Amino acid sequence: MRRRFFSNLYQQLQLLWPIFSAILIVMAGTGVVIGRIEDWRLDEAFYFTFVTGLTIGYGDITPKHLSARVLALVIGFSGIVLTGLVAAVTVQALNETSRDATDDH
């Protein structure tokens, strides 16, 4: 059953990989731009992007400039979309696995 799930998950990810990669590129690119605006190191920019994209928001690194704050919204909304897609793909793989198991019996 587990093997079927991961097989179905892999199939779903293959279909949606262009969307996932586009969202990740937008998030990383926006994070780098924010880092340049705020004079952060690259690791700080990616850390901020990761924390903001997952909507964790520790608040230890925050943008001060208005343009960087607006771009942070792009990261936040992209993270919400990415999280929703991951959840949808996982649910679809579970449904396919359940359907496969029902068809076998």
C-alpha atoms as a PDB file:
ATOM      1  CA  MET A   1       0.000   0.000   0.000  1.00  0.00           C
ATOM      2  CA  ARG A   2       2.809   2.389   0.912  1.00  0.00           C
ATOM      3  CA  ARG A   3       4.614   1.606  -2.325  1.00  0.00           C
ATOM      4  CA  ARG A   4       1.447   2.408  -4.304  1.00  0.00           C
ATOM      5  CA  PHE A   5       1.045   5.699  -2.479  1.00  0.00           C
ATOM      6  CA  PHE A   6       4.595   6.820  -3.229  1.00  0.00           C
ATOM      7  CA  SER A   7       4.216   5.702  -6.833  1.00  0.00           C
ATOM      8  CA  ASN A   8       1.019   7.731  -7.174  1.00  0.00           C
ATOM      9  CA  LEU A   9       2.619  10.682  -5.394  1.00  0.00           C
ATOM     10  CA  TYR A  10       5.565  10.556  -7.783  1.00  0.00           C
ATOM     11  CA  GLN A  11       3.191  10.532 -10.778  1.00  0.00           C
ATOM     12  CA  GLN A  12       1.328  13.555  -9.432  1.00  0.00           C
ATOM     13  CA  LEU A  13       4.569  15.424  -8.780  1.00  0.00           C
ATOM     14  CA  GLN A  14       5.750  14.725 -12.322  1.00  0.00           C
ATOM     15  CA  LEU A  15       2.586  16.350 -13.654  1.00  0.00           C
ATOM     16  CA  LEU A  16       2.813  19.433 -11.476  1.00  0.00           C
ATOM     17  CA  TRP A  17       6.601  19.849 -11.314  1.00  0.00           C
ATOM     18  CA  PRO A  18       6.617  22.834 -13.715  1.00  0.00           C
ATOM     19  CA  ILE A  19       4.204  24.666 -11.418  1.00  0.00           C
ATOM     20  CA  PHE A  20       6.155  23.761  -8.279  1.00  0.00           C
ATOM     21  CA  SER A  21       9.451  24.828  -9.787  1.00  0.00           C
ATOM     22  CA  ALA A  22       8.000  28.112 -11.070  1.00  0.00           C
ATOM     23  CA  ILE A  23       6.661  28.965  -7.617  1.00  0.00           C
ATOM     24  CA  LEU A  24       9.985  28.065  -5.986  1.00  0.00           C
ATOM     25  CA  ILE A  25      11.896  30.181  -8.518  1.00  0.00           C
ATOM     26  CA  VAL A  26       9.601  33.148  -7.890  1.00  0.00           C
ATOM     27  CA  MET A  27      10.032  32.750  -4.139  1.00  0.00           C
ATOM     28  CA  ALA A  28      13.824  32.394  -4.285  1.00  0.00           C
ATOM     29  CA  GLY A  29      14.190  35.254  -6.759  1.00  0.00           C
ATOM     30  CA  THR A  30      12.003  37.523  -4.675  1.00  0.00           C
ATOM     31  CA  GLY A  31      13.981  36.577  -1.582  1.00  0.00           C
ATOM     32  CA  VAL A  32      17.249  37.481  -3.292  1.00  0.00           C
ATOM     33  CA  VAL A  33      15.812  40.843  -4.383  1.00  0.00           C
ATOM     34  CA  ILE A  34      14.643  41.535  -0.821  1.00  0.00           C
ATOM     35  CA  GLY A  35      18.084  40.584   0.434  1.00  0.00           C
ATOM     36  CA  ARG A  36      19.697  43.066  -1.951  1.00  0.00           C
ATOM     37  CA  ILE A  37      17.288  45.831  -0.912  1.00  0.00           C
ATOM     38  CA  GLU A  38      17.899  45.167   2.785  1.00  0.00           C
ATOM     39  CA  ASP A  39      21.667  44.486   2.479  1.00  0.00           C
ATOM     40  CA  TRP A  40      21.322  40.961   3.859  1.00  0.00           C
ATOM     41  CA  ARG A  41      23.700  38.109   3.193  1.00  0.00           C
ATOM     42  CA  LEU A  42      22.434  35.448   0.803  1.00  0.00           C
ATOM     43  CA  ASP A  43      21.860  32.928   3.600  1.00  0.00           C
ATOM     44  CA  GLU A  44      19.784  35.479   5.509  1.00  0.00           C
ATOM     45  CA  ALA A  45      17.715  36.195   2.405  1.00  0.00           C
ATOM     46  CA  PHE A  46      17.008  32.497   1.832  1.00  0.00           C
ATOM     47  CA  TYR A  47      16.260  31.996   5.520  1.00  0.00           C
ATOM     48  CA  PHE A  48      13.788  34.876   5.402  1.00  0.00           C
ATOM     49  CA  THR A  49      12.235  33.424   2.235  1.00  0.00           C
ATOM     50  CA  PHE A  50      11.878  29.973   3.803  1.00  0.00           C
ATOM     51  CA  VAL A  51      10.367  31.281   7.046  1.00  0.00           C
ATOM     52  CA  THR A  52       8.017  33.665   5.228  1.00  0.00           C
ATOM     53  CA  GLY A  53       7.037  31.161   2.527  1.00  0.00           C
ATOM     54  CA  LEU A  54       6.046  28.590   5.126  1.00  0.00           C
ATOM     55  CA  THR A  55       4.117  31.374   6.918  1.00  0.00           C
ATOM     56  CA  ILE A  56       6.077  30.714  10.111  1.00  0.00           C
ATOM     57  CA  GLY A  57       7.238  34.310  10.537  1.00  0.00           C
ATOM     58  CA  TYR A  58       9.610  34.244  13.491  1.00  0.00           C
ATOM     59  CA  GLY A  59      10.219  37.981  13.193  1.00  0.00           C
ATOM     60  CA  ASP A  60      13.948  37.776  13.851  1.00  0.00           C
ATOM     61  CA  ILE A  61      14.667  39.149  10.359  1.00  0.00           C
ATOM     62  CA  THR A  62      12.204  41.686   8.993  1.00  0.00           C
ATOM     63  CA  PRO A  63      12.361  43.984   5.975  1.00  0.00           C
ATOM     64  CA  LYS A  64      12.504  47.695   6.762  1.00  0.00           C
ATOM     65  CA  HIS A  65      11.916  49.158   3.292  1.00  0.00           C
ATOM     66  CA  LEU A  66       8.402  49.422   1.878  1.00  0.00           C
ATOM     67  CA  SER A  67       9.364  47.784  -1.421  1.00  0.00           C
ATOM     68  CA  ALA A  68      10.873  44.813   0.422  1.00  0.00           C
ATOM     69  CA  ARG A  69       7.741  44.459   2.523  1.00  0.00           C
ATOM     70  CA  VAL A  70       5.562  44.399  -0.582  1.00  0.00           C
ATOM     71  CA  LEU A  71       7.812  41.744  -2.093  1.00  0.00           C
ATOM     72  CA  ALA A  72       7.555  39.772   1.153  1.00  0.00           C
ATOM     73  CA  LEU A  73       3.819  39.582   0.495  1.00  0.00           C
ATOM     74  CA  VAL A  74       4.604  37.892  -2.816  1.00  0.00           C
ATOM     75  CA  ILE A  75       6.660  35.298  -0.956  1.00  0.00           C
ATOM     76  CA  GLY A  76       3.884  34.780   1.589  1.00  0.00           C
ATOM     77  CA  PHE A  77       1.150  34.301  -1.002  1.00  0.00           C
ATOM     78  CA  SER A  78       3.403  32.038  -3.076  1.00  0.00           C
ATOM     79  CA  GLY A  79       4.067  29.952   0.017  1.00  0.00           C
ATOM     80  CA  ILE A  80       0.350  29.588   0.666  1.00  0.00           C
ATOM     81  CA  VAL A  81      -0.203  28.455  -2.932  1.00  0.00           C
ATOM     82  CA  LEU A  82       2.729  26.042  -2.707  1.00  0.00           C
ATOM     83  CA  THR A  83       1.434  24.562   0.549  1.00  0.00           C
ATOM     84  CA  GLY A  84      -2.023  24.137  -0.970  1.00  0.00           C
ATOM     85  CA  LEU A  85      -0.580  22.400  -4.018  1.00  0.00           C
ATOM     86  CA  VAL A  86       1.447  20.016  -1.879  1.00  0.00           C
ATOM     87  CA  ALA A  87      -1.664  19.176   0.143  1.00  0.00           C
ATOM     88  CA  ALA A  88      -3.746  18.705  -3.019  1.00  0.00           C
ATOM     89  CA  VAL A  89      -1.146  16.447  -4.630  1.00  0.00           C
ATOM     90  CA  THR A  90      -0.898  14.342  -1.477  1.00  0.00           C
ATOM     91  CA  VAL A  91      -4.684  13.977  -1.208  1.00  0.00           C
ATOM     92  CA  GLN A  92      -4.898  13.041  -4.891  1.00  0.00           C
ATOM     93  CA  ALA A  93      -2.207  10.388  -4.406  1.00  0.00           C
ATOM     94  CA  LEU A  94      -4.101   9.025  -1.398  1.00  0.00           C
ATOM     95  CA  ASN A  95      -7.325   8.887  -3.426  1.00  0.00           C
ATOM     96  CA  GLU A  96      -5.568   7.070  -6.267  1.00  0.00           C
ATOM     97  CA  THR A  97      -4.043   4.606  -3.806  1.00  0.00           C
ATOM     98  CA  SER A  98      -7.424   3.975  -2.222  1.00  0.00           C
ATOM     99  CA  ARG A  99      -9.005   3.519  -5.654  1.00  0.00           C
ATOM    100  CA  ASP A 100      -6.246   1.075  -6.668  1.00  0.00           C
ATOM    101  CA  ALA A 101      -6.727  -0.926  -3.459  1.00  0.00           C
ATOM    102  CA  THR A 102     -10.506  -1.074  -3.993  1.00  0.00           C
ATOM    103  CA  ASP A 103     -10.081  -2.218  -7.597  1.00  0.00           C
ATOM    104  CA  ASP A 104      -7.801  -5.078  -6.472  1.00  0.00           C
ATOM    105  CA  HIS A 105     -10.451  -6.548  -4.174  1.00  0.00           C
END
